[in-house]
Amino acid sequence: MRPIELRSDNSAGVPDPILDAIHSANAGSALAYGADEVTARLEARVREVFEHPTARVFPVTSGTAGNALGLSSLSPPWGAVMCHETAHILNAEANATSLLSSGAQMIGLAGDDHQIAVDSLRAALDGAGWDDPHHTQPAVLSFTQPTDMGTVYPIEVISELCSVARASGLRAHLDGARLANAISSLGCAPADVTWRAGIDVFTLGATKNGAMSAEAIVSFDDAASKELVYRTKRSGHVTSKMRFQSAQIEAYLTDGLWLRLAANSNEMMRRLSDGLSALDVEVANRVDANMAFLRLPDEVIDRLEADDLLFYRIAPGVIRFVTSWQTTVDDVDAALDRMSKALHHETATPARAVDPVPAAGR
């Protein structure tokens, strides 16, 4: 029985256009540290795709680096980054933002659907202890889009939250680990969910959606961009052969490849979640993109694992499925068939409902 990969989109391979771009970048020689033609073309591509004439792009090697460096360019060491209490930057990046910002504090806010509530943000800002050196000063509002629980922020919610934050002097950051999935789900232009909604800096999220070894920070804020020139170098993320990272991201953003890849993973999750609903499997989250959290008896989960269905156990009685650009209709249908067989042999009482928590490494 062949394994079916539903653990993470990080587990998927690399599409041919990106591999071809790496191969093309390997011809001849090029200037080091981003002074190459491929990186110059990448910046032009980012400005075109995001419809912003002064956008800057900074290739880095991981999403954690992208988030932590992007946030460090927006917050002083005594500042605070405000995010949802389930956000990846708060719970699963080993406090990287505090390290690279030389001390910024992370503050988790409440909100339904794993999204920051406007009232929670207002309350936190009202009680912040402004201009008092005994208190951390709020500096950045950060979104995870989609959230770690697979829900997508509507554009108008991001805009409202950014407006509230901006009124108190905060700038806005977006952890776009699955940004293409969110854009595909919303059916909007990339600019609509980033700078037009009030975002200053974001992480592109290329790796989960097909890139091999490249992430990128995109900045629309001139002051942040100037800091990132030095912060990326100081942290070891200005790689000598940057053209190979830039080539991946350029290919990723060319001719809508990134959105087509994300559309497939979203469509496969819709097919999968519809099939799970038909089998009366409880899905714990609102499925907006390519993640589903399921509540199942542990005995059923054990049977699924024995049948080579690959997924993460999140909590007792809770598992996570993630589809990717590489997931096929055959994969989904086979997964549903194995689920049906596992449920058919069910004899135990379903496990107590547990609120799922994000898996390490997403």
Protein backbone atom coordinates (compact mmCIF):
# COMPACT_ATOMS: atom_id res chain seq x y z
CA MET A 1 0.00 0.00 0.00
CA ARG A 2 1.53 3.32 -1.04
CA PRO A 3 1.92 6.09 1.54
CA ILE A 4 -0.31 9.16 1.12
CA GLU A 5 1.33 12.39 2.23
CA LEU A 6 -0.93 14.61 4.33
CA ARG A 7 1.51 15.67 7.06
CA SER A 8 2.52 19.05 5.70
CA ASP A 9 3.00 20.96 2.47
CA ASN A 10 6.62 21.21 3.66
CA SER A 11 6.87 17.52 2.80
CA ALA A 12 6.07 18.02 -0.89
CA GLY A 13 8.68 18.20 -3.63
CA VAL A 14 9.63 20.98 -6.03
CA PRO A 15 7.76 21.69 -9.30
CA ASP A 16 9.68 21.54 -12.57
CA PRO A 17 9.63 25.31 -13.36
CA ILE A 18 11.49 26.02 -10.12
CA LEU A 19 13.99 23.21 -10.70
CA ASP A 20 14.50 24.49 -14.24
CA ALA A 21 15.16 28.00 -12.89
CA ILE A 22 17.83 26.68 -10.52
CA HIS A 23 19.47 24.85 -13.42
CA SER A 24 19.42 27.99 -15.57
CA ALA A 25 21.00 30.03 -12.78
CA ASN A 26 23.85 27.52 -12.72
CA ALA A 27 25.09 28.57 -16.16
CA GLY A 28 28.29 30.59 -16.01
CA SER A 29 29.21 32.80 -13.08
CA ALA A 30 27.60 35.74 -11.31
CA LEU A 31 28.39 38.40 -8.75
CA ALA A 32 27.90 37.30 -5.16
CA TYR A 33 25.73 38.50 -2.27
CA GLY A 34 22.70 39.48 -4.35
CA ALA A 35 24.51 41.72 -6.86
CA ASP A 36 23.48 39.40 -9.70
CA GLU A 37 21.03 39.81 -12.57
CA VAL A 38 18.62 37.17 -11.24
CA THR A 39 18.15 39.00 -7.94
CA ALA A 40 17.64 42.29 -9.81
CA ARG A 41 14.96 40.62 -11.94
CA LEU A 42 13.35 39.22 -8.81
CA GLU A 43 12.88 42.68 -7.31
CA ALA A 44 11.29 43.88 -10.53
CA ARG A 45 8.99 40.83 -10.50
CA VAL A 46 7.92 41.49 -6.90
CA ARG A 47 7.09 45.11 -7.74
CA GLU A 48 5.03 43.95 -10.70
CA VAL A 49 3.14 41.17 -8.88
CA PHE A 50 2.39 43.29 -5.81
CA GLU A 51 1.77 46.49 -7.80
CA HIS A 52 4.13 48.55 -5.67
CA PRO A 53 6.88 50.68 -7.26
CA THR A 54 9.29 50.73 -4.30
CA ALA A 55 8.82 47.25 -2.81
CA ARG A 56 12.05 45.57 -1.73
CA VAL A 57 12.66 41.83 -1.53
CA PHE A 58 15.19 40.07 0.71
CA PRO A 59 15.74 36.35 0.05
CA VAL A 60 16.41 34.34 3.21
CA THR A 61 16.75 30.65 3.96
CA SER A 62 13.71 29.93 6.15
CA GLY A 63 10.30 31.20 7.16
CA THR A 64 11.49 31.60 10.75
CA ALA A 65 14.27 33.92 9.56
CA GLY A 66 11.80 35.78 7.35
CA ASN A 67 9.42 36.41 10.22
CA ALA A 68 12.01 37.25 12.86
CA LEU A 69 14.04 39.56 10.63
CA GLY A 70 10.96 41.23 9.19
CA LEU A 71 9.61 41.89 12.67
CA SER A 72 12.99 43.07 13.93
CA SER A 73 13.00 45.75 11.22
CA LEU A 74 9.70 47.09 12.60
CA SER A 75 10.24 46.93 16.37
CA PRO A 76 12.84 48.40 18.73
CA PRO A 77 14.29 46.09 21.42
CA TRP A 78 11.85 47.54 23.97
CA GLY A 79 8.88 47.05 21.67
CA ALA A 80 6.12 44.46 21.62
CA VAL A 81 4.76 42.38 18.76
CA MET A 82 1.02 41.81 19.12
CA CYS A 83 -0.36 38.68 17.46
CA HIS A 84 -3.04 36.04 18.00
CA GLU A 85 -2.40 33.74 20.94
CA THR A 86 -2.14 30.75 18.55
CA ALA A 87 0.28 32.49 16.15
CA HIS A 88 3.28 30.52 14.92
CA ILE A 89 5.68 33.37 15.71
CA LEU A 90 4.60 33.15 19.35
CA ASN A 91 4.37 29.39 19.82
CA ALA A 92 6.71 27.62 17.43
CA GLU A 93 9.74 29.73 16.47
CA ALA A 94 11.79 29.42 19.68
CA ASN A 95 11.46 33.15 20.41
CA ALA A 96 13.46 33.98 17.26
CA THR A 97 11.90 37.44 17.03
CA SER A 98 13.15 38.38 20.50
CA LEU A 99 16.61 37.13 19.57
CA LEU A 100 16.95 38.98 16.27
CA SER A 101 15.26 42.15 17.51
CA SER A 102 17.49 42.17 20.63
CA GLY A 103 14.54 41.79 22.97
CA ALA A 104 11.11 42.55 21.52
CA GLN A 105 8.31 40.94 23.51
CA MET A 106 5.53 38.81 21.99
CA ILE A 107 1.99 39.43 23.25
CA GLY A 108 -0.82 37.02 22.36
CA LEU A 109 -4.34 38.37 21.77
CA ALA A 110 -7.63 36.50 21.78
CA GLY A 111 -10.12 36.17 18.94
CA ASP A 112 -12.51 33.66 17.39
CA ASP A 113 -11.46 31.47 14.45
CA HIS A 114 -7.85 31.92 15.62
CA GLN A 115 -7.88 35.51 14.34
CA ILE A 116 -7.19 38.68 16.31
CA ALA A 117 -10.40 40.33 17.50
CA VAL A 118 -10.65 44.10 17.13
CA ASP A 119 -11.88 44.44 20.71
CA SER A 120 -8.89 42.43 22.00
CA LEU A 121 -6.50 44.68 20.13
CA ARG A 122 -8.17 47.86 21.37
CA ALA A 123 -8.13 46.61 24.96
CA ALA A 124 -4.44 45.69 24.75
CA LEU A 125 -3.54 49.07 23.29
CA ASP A 126 -5.64 50.94 25.87
CA GLY A 127 -3.84 49.16 28.71
CA ALA A 128 -0.35 49.32 27.24
CA GLY A 129 1.29 51.79 29.62
CA TRP A 130 2.30 54.20 26.89
CA ASP A 131 5.41 56.33 27.43
CA ASP A 132 6.15 54.54 30.70
CA PRO A 133 9.67 53.02 30.58
CA HIS A 134 8.53 50.32 33.01
CA HIS A 135 6.37 48.83 30.24
CA THR A 136 7.07 47.32 26.86
CA GLN A 137 5.79 49.62 24.13
CA PRO A 138 3.55 48.07 21.43
CA ALA A 139 5.30 48.43 18.07
CA VAL A 140 3.96 45.85 15.60
CA LEU A 141 0.72 44.07 14.84
CA SER A 142 1.37 40.69 13.22
CA PHE A 143 -1.07 38.44 11.34
CA THR A 144 -0.68 34.81 10.30
CA GLN A 145 -2.38 34.38 6.92
CA PRO A 146 -3.89 31.80 6.83
CA THR A 147 -3.83 31.17 10.57
CA ASP A 148 -2.12 28.11 11.97
CA MET A 149 -5.59 26.58 12.21
CA GLY A 150 -6.32 27.07 8.51
CA THR A 151 -8.72 30.01 8.68
CA VAL A 152 -8.24 32.96 6.34
CA TYR A 153 -8.53 36.59 7.45
CA PRO A 154 -10.97 38.55 5.26
CA ILE A 155 -9.34 41.62 3.71
CA GLU A 156 -11.70 44.00 5.49
CA VAL A 157 -10.74 42.53 8.88
CA ILE A 158 -7.03 43.02 8.19
CA SER A 159 -7.73 46.58 7.08
CA GLU A 160 -9.73 47.39 10.20
CA LEU A 161 -7.12 45.90 12.53
CA CYS A 162 -4.32 47.73 10.72
CA SER A 163 -6.24 50.99 11.00
CA VAL A 164 -6.66 50.53 14.77
CA ALA A 165 -2.98 49.66 15.15
CA ARG A 166 -1.83 52.55 12.96
CA ALA A 167 -3.79 55.03 15.10
CA SER A 168 -1.54 54.03 18.01
CA GLY A 169 1.66 54.22 15.98
CA LEU A 170 2.07 50.50 15.28
CA ARG A 171 3.22 49.09 11.96
CA ALA A 172 1.89 45.83 10.51
CA HIS A 173 3.55 42.52 9.64
CA LEU A 174 2.14 39.46 7.93
CA ASP A 175 3.45 35.92 8.35
CA GLY A 176 2.51 34.68 4.88
CA ALA A 177 3.65 31.08 5.34
CA ARG A 178 0.71 30.03 3.15
CA LEU A 179 -0.03 33.42 1.63
CA ALA A 180 -0.69 32.02 -1.86
CA ASN A 181 -3.33 29.70 -0.38
CA ALA A 182 -5.01 32.67 1.29
CA ILE A 183 -4.95 34.73 -1.93
CA SER A 184 -6.41 31.79 -3.86
CA SER A 185 -9.10 31.35 -1.23
CA LEU A 186 -10.01 35.05 -1.20
CA GLY A 187 -9.84 35.42 -4.99
CA CYS A 188 -8.10 38.78 -4.60
CA ALA A 189 -5.04 40.51 -5.98
CA PRO A 190 -1.81 40.03 -3.97
CA ALA A 191 -1.72 43.77 -3.27
CA ASP A 192 -5.22 43.69 -1.78
CA VAL A 193 -4.25 41.46 1.13
CA THR A 194 -0.85 43.07 1.72
CA TRP A 195 0.01 46.78 1.36
CA ARG A 196 -3.46 47.94 0.32
CA ALA A 197 -4.80 46.39 3.52
CA GLY A 198 -2.13 48.15 5.60
CA ILE A 199 0.71 45.60 5.74
CA ASP A 200 4.23 47.05 5.86
CA VAL A 201 6.38 43.89 5.75
CA PHE A 202 5.53 40.27 5.07
CA THR A 203 7.06 36.83 4.62
CA LEU A 204 6.25 35.39 1.20
CA GLY A 205 5.88 31.73 2.14
CA ALA A 206 7.42 30.11 -0.93
CA THR A 207 8.78 26.92 0.61
CA LYS A 208 5.46 25.37 1.62
CA ASN A 209 4.12 26.02 -1.85
CA GLY A 210 6.92 24.55 -3.97
CA ALA A 211 10.25 26.35 -3.49
CA MET A 212 13.20 24.15 -2.63
CA SER A 213 15.37 26.23 -0.31
CA ALA A 214 14.24 29.82 -0.41
CA GLU A 215 12.03 32.23 1.47
CA ALA A 216 11.73 35.98 1.11
CA ILE A 217 10.87 39.08 3.10
CA VAL A 218 8.97 41.71 1.13
CA SER A 219 8.95 45.26 2.47
CA PHE A 220 6.82 48.23 1.45
CA ASP A 221 8.27 50.40 4.23
CA ASP A 222 11.39 52.36 3.27
CA ALA A 223 12.69 52.58 6.83
CA ALA A 224 12.24 48.85 7.37
CA SER A 225 13.94 48.14 4.04
CA LYS A 226 17.00 50.15 5.07
CA GLU A 227 17.23 48.15 8.29
CA LEU A 228 16.81 44.84 6.48
CA VAL A 229 19.87 45.55 4.33
CA TYR A 230 21.96 45.29 7.49
CA ARG A 231 19.85 42.89 9.54
CA THR A 232 19.90 40.19 6.86
CA LYS A 233 23.69 40.50 6.53
CA ARG A 234 24.31 40.54 10.28
CA SER A 235 22.19 37.42 10.80
CA GLY A 236 23.93 35.46 8.04
CA HIS A 237 21.10 35.56 5.50
CA VAL A 238 22.88 37.43 2.70
CA THR A 239 24.09 34.26 1.00
CA SER A 240 27.04 34.39 -1.36
CA LYS A 241 25.26 32.50 -4.15
CA MET A 242 21.95 34.28 -3.67
CA ARG A 243 21.07 33.87 -7.34
CA PHE A 244 19.97 30.30 -6.65
CA GLN A 245 17.47 31.50 -4.03
CA SER A 246 16.36 34.41 -6.20
CA ALA A 247 15.88 32.11 -9.20
CA GLN A 248 13.47 29.96 -7.22
CA ILE A 249 11.36 32.88 -6.07
CA GLU A 250 11.41 34.56 -9.48
CA ALA A 251 10.11 31.36 -11.11
CA TYR A 252 7.60 30.96 -8.27
CA LEU A 253 6.08 34.38 -8.99
CA THR A 254 6.26 34.18 -12.80
CA ASP A 255 3.10 33.62 -14.87
CA GLY A 256 1.03 33.00 -11.75
CA LEU A 257 2.78 29.71 -10.90
CA TRP A 258 2.51 30.33 -7.14
CA LEU A 259 -1.24 30.87 -7.33
CA ARG A 260 -1.80 27.82 -9.53
CA LEU A 261 0.14 25.65 -7.10
CA ALA A 262 -1.88 27.00 -4.17
CA ALA A 263 -5.16 26.60 -6.05
CA ASN A 264 -4.44 22.90 -6.45
CA SER A 265 -3.72 22.39 -2.75
CA ASN A 266 -6.88 24.32 -1.82
CA GLU A 267 -9.00 22.38 -4.32
CA MET A 268 -7.66 19.04 -3.07
CA MET A 269 -8.51 20.05 0.50
CA ARG A 270 -12.04 21.02 -0.56
CA ARG A 271 -12.46 17.61 -2.15
CA LEU A 272 -11.01 15.96 0.94
CA SER A 273 -13.11 17.92 3.44
CA ASP A 274 -16.29 17.31 1.43
CA GLY A 275 -15.54 13.59 1.49
CA LEU A 276 -14.83 13.66 5.22
CA SER A 277 -18.14 15.42 5.84
CA ALA A 278 -19.90 12.70 3.84
CA LEU A 279 -18.29 10.15 6.18
CA ASP A 280 -19.52 12.15 9.23
CA VAL A 281 -15.97 12.91 10.36
CA GLU A 282 -15.87 15.96 12.63
CA VAL A 283 -13.69 18.74 11.25
CA ALA A 284 -12.66 21.07 14.09
CA ASN A 285 -11.78 24.15 12.03
CA ARG A 286 -13.36 26.17 9.26
CA VAL A 287 -11.57 24.89 6.17
CA ASP A 288 -10.62 28.01 4.21
CA ALA A 289 -7.40 26.85 2.58
CA ASN A 290 -5.42 23.59 2.66
CA MET A 291 -5.58 22.46 6.31
CA ALA A 292 -8.13 20.40 8.21
CA PHE A 293 -8.11 19.34 11.86
CA LEU A 294 -10.13 16.19 12.57
CA ARG A 295 -11.52 14.75 15.79
CA LEU A 296 -11.40 10.95 15.73
CA PRO A 297 -11.21 8.06 18.18
CA ASP A 298 -7.59 7.13 18.84
CA GLU A 299 -8.31 3.59 17.60
CA VAL A 300 -9.32 4.97 14.21
CA ILE A 301 -6.21 7.15 14.13
CA ASP A 302 -4.08 4.07 14.82
CA ARG A 303 -5.72 2.24 11.91
CA LEU A 304 -5.09 5.17 9.57
CA GLU A 305 -1.42 5.16 10.50
CA ALA A 306 -1.23 1.41 9.93
CA ASP A 307 -2.69 2.00 6.45
CA ASP A 308 0.18 4.38 5.53
CA LEU A 309 -1.86 7.56 5.73
CA LEU A 310 0.70 10.18 6.77
CA PHE A 311 -0.47 12.99 9.08
CA TYR A 312 0.36 14.73 12.35
CA ARG A 313 -1.20 13.87 15.70
CA ILE A 314 -1.96 17.25 17.27
CA ALA A 315 -3.56 16.21 20.58
CA PRO A 316 -5.38 13.14 21.93
CA GLY A 317 -8.14 12.43 19.43
CA VAL A 318 -7.07 15.23 17.05
CA ILE A 319 -5.09 14.93 13.81
CA ARG A 320 -4.18 17.35 11.04
CA PHE A 321 -4.37 16.85 7.27
CA VAL A 322 -2.56 19.24 4.90
CA THR A 323 -2.73 19.06 1.13
CA SER A 324 -0.06 20.49 -1.17
CA TRP A 325 0.59 21.52 -4.77
CA GLN A 326 1.60 17.88 -5.31
CA THR A 327 -1.60 16.29 -3.94
CA THR A 328 -3.68 14.56 -6.61
CA VAL A 329 -7.31 13.51 -6.94
CA ASP A 330 -6.13 9.91 -6.64
CA ASP A 331 -4.39 10.76 -3.35
CA VAL A 332 -7.55 12.31 -1.95
CA ASP A 333 -9.81 9.49 -3.05
CA ALA A 334 -7.42 6.88 -1.65
CA ALA A 335 -7.24 8.78 1.65
CA LEU A 336 -11.03 8.85 1.87
CA ASP A 337 -11.21 5.13 1.11
CA ARG A 338 -8.76 4.38 3.93
CA MET A 339 -10.70 6.66 6.25
CA SER A 340 -13.94 4.83 5.42
CA LYS A 341 -12.35 1.47 6.17
CA ALA A 342 -10.85 2.72 9.44
CA LEU A 343 -14.22 4.08 10.55
CA HIS A 344 -16.01 0.87 9.55
CA HIS A 345 -13.96 -1.07 12.10
CA GLU A 346 -14.59 1.49 14.84
CA THR A 347 -15.73 0.03 18.16
CA ALA A 348 -14.65 2.61 20.73
CA THR A 349 -16.46 5.70 21.97
CA PRO A 350 -15.11 8.81 20.23
CA ALA A 351 -12.39 10.63 22.14
CA ARG A 352 -13.26 13.69 24.21
CA ALA A 353 -13.16 16.85 22.09
CA VAL A 354 -9.85 18.68 22.47
CA ASP A 355 -9.09 22.09 21.06
CA PRO A 356 -6.35 21.45 18.52
CA VAL A 357 -3.01 23.21 18.74
CA PRO A 358 -0.62 23.87 15.86
CA ALA A 359 1.92 21.18 15.02
CA ALA A 360 5.58 22.07 15.44
CA GLY A 361 7.07 23.02 12.11
CA ARG A 362 3.61 23.57 10.63
